[in-house]
């Protein structure tokens, strides 16, 4: 009786009152993709601007009931807001990077190039902030992987601050300018780009995006080539141009995906949020139903 009671309690927590599990539906395999967007633990309505709410309504909340591994689930308004913010962070990071990298391709003495070069550190801060937002909201089944990417970002931010004050400022240079002139600075700022590499790898693996897969190799390849000194300037500029183009395509294509793609199987996260006893009870009940 206790097990039945616990199972009943777990089912009520996982499913809407009127929903019932369809045990005839085949289970969804987690081997297809270990990475998927986290459900929204607390709603973001208290932190999201009104514009985000209007965007969510404009996109329309998908009321389709999806059969997940542990039961049916639907897309809620807070899920839509979270996905919009996640994608907006990627667009911010891509825009900042492309804007900063543009200065490399503009001739000396160009007024726009001079303006960009004087604001490279601010551009870097904005881009890193956008990436950080996306890493907070990224949805990954394996929590340890998500925390690892976030830790890389934090380590890179701390390293960037240290490099600026300890290395760049004494030479009266900006952080980006210092790293370009002295590749050793990549040891400190590099974890930010390692986190970005992990994010695009996840996107390429989960959604089969060619541009994300190529970026997985372009980003570390260019940075390691700069750090080791084994790559000539012409090759670095060429790879930088490819990085810029693919990053734009990558960020733009995120908004062509259905919202549910960046949510994933929400029933998995609902299950993971249950206490261990309720998880066990629910699994026993599912096993009995499948027998």
C-alpha atoms as a PDB file:
ATOM      1  CA  UNK A   1       0.000   0.000   0.000  1.00  0.00           C
ATOM      2  CA  UNK A   2       2.845   2.401   0.741  1.00  0.00           C
ATOM      3  CA  UNK A   3       4.412   1.779  -2.658  1.00  0.00           C
ATOM      4  CA  UNK A   4       1.084   2.341  -4.406  1.00  0.00           C
ATOM      5  CA  UNK A   5       0.558   5.540  -2.454  1.00  0.00           C
ATOM      6  CA  UNK A   6       4.037   6.800  -3.370  1.00  0.00           C
ATOM      7  CA  UNK A   7       3.498   5.893  -7.023  1.00  0.00           C
ATOM      8  CA  UNK A   8       0.171   7.694  -7.046  1.00  0.00           C
ATOM      9  CA  UNK A   9       1.796  10.767  -5.498  1.00  0.00           C
ATOM     10  CA  UNK A  10       4.616  10.713  -8.059  1.00  0.00           C
ATOM     11  CA  UNK A  11       2.158  10.357 -10.923  1.00  0.00           C
ATOM     12  CA  UNK A  12       0.166  13.351  -9.718  1.00  0.00           C
ATOM     13  CA  UNK A  13       3.368  15.400  -9.574  1.00  0.00           C
ATOM     14  CA  UNK A  14       4.487  14.376 -13.039  1.00  0.00           C
ATOM     15  CA  UNK A  15       1.229  14.583 -14.942  1.00  0.00           C
ATOM     16  CA  UNK A  16      -1.634  17.048 -15.228  1.00  0.00           C
ATOM     17  CA  UNK A  17      -4.760  15.899 -13.426  1.00  0.00           C
ATOM     18  CA  UNK A  18      -6.487  14.818 -16.649  1.00  0.00           C
ATOM     19  CA  UNK A  19      -3.418  13.194 -18.257  1.00  0.00           C
ATOM     20  CA  UNK A  20      -2.669   9.488 -18.281  1.00  0.00           C
ATOM     21  CA  UNK A  21       0.397   7.659 -19.454  1.00  0.00           C
ATOM     22  CA  UNK A  22       0.116   5.894 -22.783  1.00  0.00           C
ATOM     23  CA  UNK A  23       1.976   2.720 -22.027  1.00  0.00           C
ATOM     24  CA  UNK A  24       1.499   1.423 -25.561  1.00  0.00           C
ATOM     25  CA  UNK A  25       3.721   4.179 -26.922  1.00  0.00           C
ATOM     26  CA  UNK A  26       7.366   3.186 -27.424  1.00  0.00           C
ATOM     27  CA  UNK A  27       9.754   4.827 -24.944  1.00  0.00           C
ATOM     28  CA  UNK A  28      11.994   7.597 -26.217  1.00  0.00           C
ATOM     29  CA  UNK A  29      15.636   6.549 -26.245  1.00  0.00           C
ATOM     30  CA  UNK A  30      18.041   8.793 -24.408  1.00  0.00           C
ATOM     31  CA  UNK A  31      20.891   7.440 -26.532  1.00  0.00           C
ATOM     32  CA  UNK A  32      19.755   9.678 -29.383  1.00  0.00           C
ATOM     33  CA  UNK A  33      21.066  12.689 -27.581  1.00  0.00           C
ATOM     34  CA  UNK A  34      22.449  13.132 -24.083  1.00  0.00           C
ATOM     35  CA  UNK A  35      21.986  16.874 -24.355  1.00  0.00           C
ATOM     36  CA  UNK A  36      18.701  18.716 -24.268  1.00  0.00           C
ATOM     37  CA  UNK A  37      17.361  21.930 -22.800  1.00  0.00           C
ATOM     38  CA  UNK A  38      16.632  21.994 -19.084  1.00  0.00           C
ATOM     39  CA  UNK A  39      13.047  22.641 -18.118  1.00  0.00           C
ATOM     40  CA  UNK A  40      12.412  25.907 -16.418  1.00  0.00           C
ATOM     41  CA  UNK A  41      12.671  25.244 -12.653  1.00  0.00           C
ATOM     42  CA  UNK A  42      11.192  28.569 -11.546  1.00  0.00           C
ATOM     43  CA  UNK A  43       9.261  30.620 -14.100  1.00  0.00           C
ATOM     44  CA  UNK A  44      11.273  33.488 -15.509  1.00  0.00           C
ATOM     45  CA  UNK A  45       8.327  35.841 -15.624  1.00  0.00           C
ATOM     46  CA  UNK A  46       9.630  37.795 -12.633  1.00  0.00           C
ATOM     47  CA  UNK A  47      12.999  38.348 -14.365  1.00  0.00           C
ATOM     48  CA  UNK A  48      11.936  38.546 -18.017  1.00  0.00           C
ATOM     49  CA  UNK A  49      11.093  41.913 -19.524  1.00  0.00           C
ATOM     50  CA  UNK A  50       7.626  42.505 -20.871  1.00  0.00           C
ATOM     51  CA  UNK A  51       8.999  42.332 -24.378  1.00  0.00           C
ATOM     52  CA  UNK A  52      10.011  38.715 -23.839  1.00  0.00           C
ATOM     53  CA  UNK A  53       6.475  37.922 -22.780  1.00  0.00           C
ATOM     54  CA  UNK A  54       5.088  39.523 -25.933  1.00  0.00           C
ATOM     55  CA  UNK A  55       7.569  37.550 -28.017  1.00  0.00           C
ATOM     56  CA  UNK A  56       6.449  34.356 -26.352  1.00  0.00           C
ATOM     57  CA  UNK A  57       2.812  35.115 -27.115  1.00  0.00           C
ATOM     58  CA  UNK A  58       3.673  36.086 -30.671  1.00  0.00           C
ATOM     59  CA  UNK A  59       5.440  32.759 -31.231  1.00  0.00           C
ATOM     60  CA  UNK A  60       2.518  31.003 -29.666  1.00  0.00           C
ATOM     61  CA  UNK A  61       2.755  28.373 -26.958  1.00  0.00           C
ATOM     62  CA  UNK A  62       2.625  24.870 -28.407  1.00  0.00           C
ATOM     63  CA  UNK A  63      -0.214  23.098 -26.617  1.00  0.00           C
ATOM     64  CA  UNK A  64       0.531  19.759 -28.243  1.00  0.00           C
ATOM     65  CA  UNK A  65       0.852  16.941 -25.735  1.00  0.00           C
ATOM     66  CA  UNK A  66       4.153  15.131 -26.296  1.00  0.00           C
ATOM     67  CA  UNK A  67       4.754  11.603 -25.055  1.00  0.00           C
ATOM     68  CA  UNK A  68       7.959  11.639 -23.044  1.00  0.00           C
ATOM     69  CA  UNK A  69      10.002   8.863 -21.509  1.00  0.00           C
ATOM     70  CA  UNK A  70       8.187   9.234 -18.188  1.00  0.00           C
ATOM     71  CA  UNK A  71       4.846  10.557 -19.374  1.00  0.00           C
ATOM     72  CA  UNK A  72       3.211  13.290 -21.449  1.00  0.00           C
ATOM     73  CA  UNK A  73       4.291  16.944 -21.297  1.00  0.00           C
ATOM     74  CA  UNK A  74       3.418  20.245 -22.948  1.00  0.00           C
ATOM     75  CA  UNK A  75       5.231  23.478 -23.780  1.00  0.00           C
ATOM     76  CA  UNK A  76       4.390  26.214 -21.274  1.00  0.00           C
ATOM     77  CA  UNK A  77       4.748  29.986 -21.613  1.00  0.00           C
ATOM     78  CA  UNK A  78       7.782  30.016 -19.298  1.00  0.00           C
ATOM     79  CA  UNK A  79       9.457  27.410 -21.515  1.00  0.00           C
ATOM     80  CA  UNK A  80       9.009  29.685 -24.522  1.00  0.00           C
ATOM     81  CA  UNK A  81      10.483  32.659 -22.650  1.00  0.00           C
ATOM     82  CA  UNK A  82      13.469  30.596 -21.571  1.00  0.00           C
ATOM     83  CA  UNK A  83      14.175  29.372 -25.099  1.00  0.00           C
ATOM     84  CA  UNK A  84      13.923  32.930 -26.457  1.00  0.00           C
ATOM     85  CA  UNK A  85      16.447  34.113 -23.877  1.00  0.00           C
ATOM     86  CA  UNK A  86      18.750  31.181 -24.623  1.00  0.00           C
ATOM     87  CA  UNK A  87      18.731  31.948 -28.335  1.00  0.00           C
ATOM     88  CA  UNK A  88      19.052  35.680 -27.732  1.00  0.00           C
ATOM     89  CA  UNK A  89      22.222  35.025 -25.729  1.00  0.00           C
ATOM     90  CA  UNK A  90      23.666  33.133 -28.686  1.00  0.00           C
ATOM     91  CA  UNK A  91      22.770  35.963 -31.063  1.00  0.00           C
ATOM     92  CA  UNK A  92      24.404  38.466 -28.715  1.00  0.00           C
ATOM     93  CA  UNK A  93      27.580  36.386 -28.543  1.00  0.00           C
ATOM     94  CA  UNK A  94      27.681  35.913 -32.323  1.00  0.00           C
ATOM     95  CA  UNK A  95      27.007  39.584 -33.061  1.00  0.00           C
ATOM     96  CA  UNK A  96      29.689  40.745 -30.641  1.00  0.00           C
ATOM     97  CA  UNK A  97      32.249  38.316 -31.988  1.00  0.00           C
ATOM     98  CA  UNK A  98      31.580  39.182 -35.622  1.00  0.00           C
ATOM     99  CA  UNK A  99      31.642  42.897 -34.859  1.00  0.00           C
ATOM    100  CA  UNK A 100      34.978  42.605 -33.084  1.00  0.00           C
ATOM    101  CA  UNK A 101      36.494  40.352 -35.745  1.00  0.00           C
ATOM    102  CA  UNK A 102      35.409  42.748 -38.491  1.00  0.00           C
ATOM    103  CA  UNK A 103      38.184  45.128 -37.461  1.00  0.00           C
ATOM    104  CA  UNK A 104      40.722  42.587 -38.749  1.00  0.00           C
ATOM    105  CA  UNK A 105      39.311  42.798 -42.258  1.00  0.00           C
ATOM    106  CA  UNK A 106      38.998  46.588 -42.446  1.00  0.00           C
ATOM    107  CA  UNK A 107      41.983  48.597 -43.706  1.00  0.00           C
ATOM    108  CA  UNK A 108      44.088  50.735 -41.396  1.00  0.00           C
ATOM    109  CA  UNK A 109      42.742  54.248 -41.111  1.00  0.00           C
ATOM    110  CA  UNK A 110      39.151  53.181 -41.739  1.00  0.00           C
ATOM    111  CA  UNK A 111      36.966  55.214 -39.311  1.00  0.00           C
ATOM    112  CA  UNK A 112      34.736  52.225 -38.512  1.00  0.00           C
ATOM    113  CA  UNK A 113      37.756  50.020 -37.853  1.00  0.00           C
ATOM    114  CA  UNK A 114      39.215  52.613 -35.484  1.00  0.00           C
ATOM    115  CA  UNK A 115      35.939  52.823 -33.548  1.00  0.00           C
ATOM    116  CA  UNK A 116      35.706  49.044 -33.234  1.00  0.00           C
ATOM    117  CA  UNK A 117      39.329  48.654 -32.168  1.00  0.00           C
ATOM    118  CA  UNK A 118      38.858  51.179 -29.386  1.00  0.00           C
ATOM    119  CA  UNK A 119      35.821  49.254 -28.084  1.00  0.00           C
ATOM    120  CA  UNK A 120      37.091  45.695 -28.398  1.00  0.00           C
ATOM    121  CA  UNK A 121      37.076  45.042 -24.664  1.00  0.00           C
ATOM    122  CA  UNK A 122      33.471  46.241 -24.310  1.00  0.00           C
ATOM    123  CA  UNK A 123      32.471  44.101 -27.288  1.00  0.00           C
ATOM    124  CA  UNK A 124      34.189  41.123 -25.669  1.00  0.00           C
ATOM    125  CA  UNK A 125      32.362  41.727 -22.373  1.00  0.00           C
ATOM    126  CA  UNK A 126      28.978  41.891 -24.106  1.00  0.00           C
ATOM    127  CA  UNK A 127      29.684  38.735 -26.108  1.00  0.00           C
ATOM    128  CA  UNK A 128      30.911  36.814 -23.070  1.00  0.00           C
ATOM    129  CA  UNK A 129      27.806  37.952 -21.194  1.00  0.00           C
ATOM    130  CA  UNK A 130      25.537  36.660 -23.945  1.00  0.00           C
ATOM    131  CA  UNK A 131      27.342  33.330 -23.893  1.00  0.00           C
ATOM    132  CA  UNK A 132      27.024  33.179 -20.117  1.00  0.00           C
ATOM    133  CA  UNK A 133      23.259  33.733 -20.350  1.00  0.00           C
ATOM    134  CA  UNK A 134      22.931  30.878 -22.828  1.00  0.00           C
ATOM    135  CA  UNK A 135      25.020  28.580 -20.634  1.00  0.00           C
ATOM    136  CA  UNK A 136      22.738  29.295 -17.679  1.00  0.00           C
ATOM    137  CA  UNK A 137      19.659  28.435 -19.741  1.00  0.00           C
ATOM    138  CA  UNK A 138      21.066  25.611 -21.858  1.00  0.00           C
ATOM    139  CA  UNK A 139      19.162  22.381 -21.383  1.00  0.00           C
ATOM    140  CA  UNK A 140      21.328  19.302 -20.960  1.00  0.00           C
ATOM    141  CA  UNK A 141      20.255  15.937 -19.588  1.00  0.00           C
ATOM    142  CA  UNK A 142      23.577  15.318 -17.866  1.00  0.00           C
ATOM    143  CA  UNK A 143      23.786  18.025 -15.214  1.00  0.00           C
ATOM    144  CA  UNK A 144      27.515  17.454 -14.664  1.00  0.00           C
ATOM    145  CA  UNK A 145      28.241  18.430 -18.271  1.00  0.00           C
ATOM    146  CA  UNK A 146      26.190  21.596 -17.949  1.00  0.00           C
ATOM    147  CA  UNK A 147      27.997  22.546 -14.736  1.00  0.00           C
ATOM    148  CA  UNK A 148      31.348  21.834 -16.392  1.00  0.00           C
ATOM    149  CA  UNK A 149      30.600  24.236 -19.268  1.00  0.00           C
ATOM    150  CA  UNK A 150      29.439  26.870 -16.805  1.00  0.00           C
ATOM    151  CA  UNK A 151      32.583  26.377 -14.720  1.00  0.00           C
ATOM    152  CA  UNK A 152      34.726  26.860 -17.834  1.00  0.00           C
ATOM    153  CA  UNK A 153      32.933  30.129 -18.541  1.00  0.00           C
ATOM    154  CA  UNK A 154      33.420  31.361 -14.963  1.00  0.00           C
ATOM    155  CA  UNK A 155      37.083  30.367 -15.053  1.00  0.00           C
ATOM    156  CA  UNK A 156      37.526  32.235 -18.340  1.00  0.00           C
ATOM    157  CA  UNK A 157      35.836  35.354 -16.987  1.00  0.00           C
ATOM    158  CA  UNK A 158      38.049  35.340 -13.893  1.00  0.00           C
ATOM    159  CA  UNK A 159      41.072  34.757 -16.096  1.00  0.00           C
ATOM    160  CA  UNK A 160      40.045  37.617 -18.382  1.00  0.00           C
ATOM    161  CA  UNK A 161      39.797  40.011 -15.443  1.00  0.00           C
ATOM    162  CA  UNK A 162      43.159  38.870 -14.130  1.00  0.00           C
ATOM    163  CA  UNK A 163      44.805  39.168 -17.549  1.00  0.00           C
ATOM    164  CA  UNK A 164      43.428  42.668 -18.014  1.00  0.00           C
ATOM    165  CA  UNK A 165      44.669  44.066 -14.719  1.00  0.00           C
ATOM    166  CA  UNK A 166      47.883  42.051 -14.335  1.00  0.00           C
ATOM    167  CA  UNK A 167      49.097  41.878 -17.935  1.00  0.00           C
ATOM    168  CA  UNK A 168      47.339  44.250 -20.303  1.00  0.00           C
ATOM    169  CA  UNK A 169      47.007  47.354 -18.146  1.00  0.00           C
ATOM    170  CA  UNK A 170      50.705  47.580 -17.181  1.00  0.00           C
ATOM    171  CA  UNK A 171      51.445  47.762 -20.922  1.00  0.00           C
ATOM    172  CA  UNK A 172      48.646  50.292 -21.453  1.00  0.00           C
ATOM    173  CA  UNK A 173      46.790  47.866 -23.705  1.00  0.00           C
ATOM    174  CA  UNK A 174      43.300  46.463 -23.825  1.00  0.00           C
ATOM    175  CA  UNK A 175      42.630  42.810 -23.035  1.00  0.00           C
ATOM    176  CA  UNK A 176      41.797  41.759 -26.601  1.00  0.00           C
ATOM    177  CA  UNK A 177      44.744  43.697 -27.994  1.00  0.00           C
ATOM    178  CA  UNK A 178      47.053  42.031 -25.479  1.00  0.00           C
ATOM    179  CA  UNK A 179      45.842  38.501 -26.310  1.00  0.00           C
ATOM    180  CA  UNK A 180      46.289  39.172 -30.037  1.00  0.00           C
ATOM    181  CA  UNK A 181      49.836  40.465 -29.507  1.00  0.00           C
ATOM    182  CA  UNK A 182      50.822  37.968 -26.810  1.00  0.00           C
ATOM    183  CA  UNK A 183      49.229  34.515 -27.383  1.00  0.00           C
ATOM    184  CA  UNK A 184      50.157  33.427 -23.841  1.00  0.00           C
ATOM    185  CA  UNK A 185      47.111  35.405 -22.703  1.00  0.00           C
ATOM    186  CA  UNK A 186      44.939  32.649 -24.165  1.00  0.00           C
ATOM    187  CA  UNK A 187      45.768  30.487 -21.156  1.00  0.00           C
ATOM    188  CA  UNK A 188      43.652  32.887 -19.101  1.00  0.00           C
ATOM    189  CA  UNK A 189      40.795  33.805 -21.465  1.00  0.00           C
ATOM    190  CA  UNK A 190      40.694  30.491 -23.311  1.00  0.00           C
ATOM    191  CA  UNK A 191      38.161  28.735 -21.024  1.00  0.00           C
ATOM    192  CA  UNK A 192      35.466  31.126 -22.288  1.00  0.00           C
ATOM    193  CA  UNK A 193      36.026  29.828 -25.807  1.00  0.00           C
ATOM    194  CA  UNK A 194      36.258  26.258 -24.525  1.00  0.00           C
ATOM    195  CA  UNK A 195      32.759  26.716 -23.094  1.00  0.00           C
ATOM    196  CA  UNK A 196      31.591  28.080 -26.453  1.00  0.00           C
ATOM    197  CA  UNK A 197      33.102  25.041 -28.178  1.00  0.00           C
ATOM    198  CA  UNK A 198      31.193  22.759 -25.822  1.00  0.00           C
ATOM    199  CA  UNK A 199      27.954  24.585 -26.580  1.00  0.00           C
ATOM    200  CA  UNK A 200      28.296  24.350 -30.373  1.00  0.00           C
ATOM    201  CA  UNK A 201      29.351  20.695 -30.017  1.00  0.00           C
ATOM    202  CA  UNK A 202      26.127  20.018 -28.130  1.00  0.00           C
ATOM    203  CA  UNK A 203      24.094  21.784 -30.806  1.00  0.00           C
ATOM    204  CA  UNK A 204      25.827  19.907 -33.606  1.00  0.00           C
ATOM    205  CA  UNK A 205      25.452  16.536 -31.875  1.00  0.00           C
ATOM    206  CA  UNK A 206      21.808  16.965 -30.922  1.00  0.00           C
ATOM    207  CA  UNK A 207      20.449  18.628 -34.057  1.00  0.00           C
ATOM    208  CA  UNK A 208      22.904  17.513 -36.730  1.00  0.00           C
ATOM    209  CA  UNK A 209      23.874  21.080 -37.644  1.00  0.00           C
ATOM    210  CA  UNK A 210      26.789  21.139 -40.053  1.00  0.00           C
ATOM    211  CA  UNK A 211      27.897  24.663 -39.153  1.00  0.00           C
ATOM    212  CA  UNK A 212      27.985  23.757 -35.447  1.00  0.00           C
ATOM    213  CA  UNK A 213      30.016  20.639 -36.183  1.00  0.00           C
ATOM    214  CA  UNK A 214      32.574  22.617 -38.192  1.00  0.00           C
ATOM    215  CA  UNK A 215      32.793  25.294 -35.491  1.00  0.00           C
ATOM    216  CA  UNK A 216      33.673  22.555 -33.001  1.00  0.00           C
ATOM    217  CA  UNK A 217      36.965  22.154 -34.860  1.00  0.00           C
ATOM    218  CA  UNK A 218      37.484  25.725 -36.136  1.00  0.00           C
ATOM    219  CA  UNK A 219      37.363  27.398 -32.710  1.00  0.00           C
ATOM    220  CA  UNK A 220      39.970  25.274 -30.880  1.00  0.00           C
ATOM    221  CA  UNK A 221      42.011  24.912 -34.076  1.00  0.00           C
ATOM    222  CA  UNK A 222      42.414  28.662 -34.525  1.00  0.00           C
ATOM    223  CA  UNK A 223      43.089  29.326 -30.852  1.00  0.00           C
ATOM    224  CA  UNK A 224      45.629  26.522 -30.543  1.00  0.00           C
ATOM    225  CA  UNK A 225      47.300  27.686 -33.743  1.00  0.00           C
ATOM    226  CA  UNK A 226      47.598  31.193 -32.293  1.00  0.00           C
ATOM    227  CA  UNK A 227      48.769  29.926 -28.910  1.00  0.00           C
ATOM    228  CA  UNK A 228      51.436  27.610 -30.319  1.00  0.00           C
ATOM    229  CA  UNK A 229      52.690  30.083 -32.903  1.00  0.00           C
ATOM    230  CA  UNK A 230      52.612  27.356 -35.548  1.00  0.00           C
ATOM    231  CA  UNK A 231      49.956  29.078 -37.649  1.00  0.00           C
ATOM    232  CA  UNK A 232      50.826  31.988 -39.932  1.00  0.00           C
ATOM    233  CA  UNK A 233      48.747  35.168 -39.984  1.00  0.00           C
ATOM    234  CA  UNK A 234      47.197  34.421 -43.361  1.00  0.00           C
ATOM    235  CA  UNK A 235      45.836  31.091 -42.164  1.00  0.00           C
ATOM    236  CA  UNK A 236      44.574  32.630 -38.939  1.00  0.00           C
ATOM    237  CA  UNK A 237      42.727  35.376 -40.808  1.00  0.00           C
ATOM    238  CA  UNK A 238      41.156  32.812 -43.149  1.00  0.00           C
ATOM    239  CA  UNK A 239      39.970  30.649 -40.254  1.00  0.00           C
ATOM    240  CA  UNK A 240      38.686  33.750 -38.484  1.00  0.00           C
ATOM    241  CA  UNK A 241      36.585  34.583 -41.537  1.00  0.00           C
ATOM    242  CA  UNK A 242      35.156  31.055 -41.639  1.00  0.00           C
ATOM    243  CA  UNK A 243      34.410  31.290 -37.907  1.00  0.00           C
ATOM    244  CA  UNK A 244      32.561  34.571 -38.417  1.00  0.00           C
ATOM    245  CA  UNK A 245      30.435  33.237 -41.280  1.00  0.00           C
ATOM    246  CA  UNK A 246      29.509  29.981 -39.555  1.00  0.00           C
ATOM    247  CA  UNK A 247      28.742  31.704 -36.259  1.00  0.00           C
ATOM    248  CA  UNK A 248      26.253  33.996 -38.010  1.00  0.00           C
ATOM    249  CA  UNK A 249      24.592  31.031 -39.725  1.00  0.00           C
ATOM    250  CA  UNK A 250      24.539  29.087 -36.469  1.00  0.00           C
ATOM    251  CA  UNK A 251      22.879  31.870 -34.462  1.00  0.00           C
ATOM    252  CA  UNK A 252      20.376  32.712 -37.192  1.00  0.00           C
ATOM    253  CA  UNK A 253      19.280  29.121 -37.689  1.00  0.00           C
ATOM    254  CA  UNK A 254      18.451  28.746 -34.002  1.00  0.00           C
ATOM    255  CA  UNK A 255      15.324  30.815 -34.624  1.00  0.00           C
ATOM    256  CA  UNK A 256      14.212  28.435 -37.364  1.00  0.00           C
ATOM    257  CA  UNK A 257      13.902  25.552 -34.931  1.00  0.00           C
ATOM    258  CA  UNK A 258      10.639  24.683 -33.195  1.00  0.00           C
ATOM    259  CA  UNK A 259      10.582  25.819 -29.575  1.00  0.00           C
ATOM    260  CA  UNK A 260      10.170  22.233 -28.378  1.00  0.00           C
ATOM    261  CA  UNK A 261      13.564  21.279 -29.833  1.00  0.00           C
ATOM    262  CA  UNK A 262      15.339  23.455 -27.275  1.00  0.00           C
ATOM    263  CA  UNK A 263      13.175  22.051 -24.481  1.00  0.00           C
ATOM    264  CA  UNK A 264      13.705  18.377 -25.104  1.00  0.00           C
ATOM    265  CA  UNK A 265      11.884  15.657 -23.190  1.00  0.00           C
ATOM    266  CA  UNK A 266      10.602  17.619 -20.233  1.00  0.00           C
ATOM    267  CA  UNK A 267       9.290  14.484 -18.538  1.00  0.00           C
ATOM    268  CA  UNK A 268      12.906  13.448 -17.891  1.00  0.00           C
ATOM    269  CA  UNK A 269      13.570  16.615 -15.933  1.00  0.00           C
ATOM    270  CA  UNK A 270      10.269  16.349 -14.088  1.00  0.00           C
ATOM    271  CA  UNK A 271      11.281  12.831 -13.095  1.00  0.00           C
ATOM    272  CA  UNK A 272      14.771  13.955 -12.019  1.00  0.00           C
ATOM    273  CA  UNK A 273      13.207  16.602  -9.785  1.00  0.00           C
ATOM    274  CA  UNK A 274      11.369  13.958  -7.746  1.00  0.00           C
ATOM    275  CA  UNK A 275      12.744  12.639  -4.448  1.00  0.00           C
ATOM    276  CA  UNK A 276      14.529   9.301  -4.759  1.00  0.00           C
ATOM    277  CA  UNK A 277      11.731   7.346  -3.096  1.00  0.00           C
ATOM    278  CA  UNK A 278       9.143   8.709  -5.493  1.00  0.00           C
ATOM    279  CA  UNK A 279      11.419   7.996  -8.455  1.00  0.00           C
ATOM    280  CA  UNK A 280      11.735   4.388  -7.366  1.00  0.00           C
ATOM    281  CA  UNK A 281       8.002   4.037  -6.830  1.00  0.00           C
ATOM    282  CA  UNK A 282       7.194   5.511 -10.217  1.00  0.00           C
ATOM    283  CA  UNK A 283       9.701   3.246 -11.986  1.00  0.00           C
ATOM    284  CA  UNK A 284       8.207   0.200 -10.279  1.00  0.00           C
ATOM    285  CA  UNK A 285       4.750   1.254 -11.402  1.00  0.00           C
ATOM    286  CA  UNK A 286       5.922   1.786 -14.988  1.00  0.00           C
ATOM    287  CA  UNK A 287       7.584  -1.621 -14.970  1.00  0.00           C
ATOM    288  CA  UNK A 288       4.374  -3.294 -13.790  1.00  0.00           C
ATOM    289  CA  UNK A 289       2.345  -1.546 -16.483  1.00  0.00           C
ATOM    290  CA  UNK A 290       4.780  -2.617 -19.216  1.00  0.00           C
ATOM    291  CA  UNK A 291       4.736  -6.290 -18.150  1.00  0.00           C
END
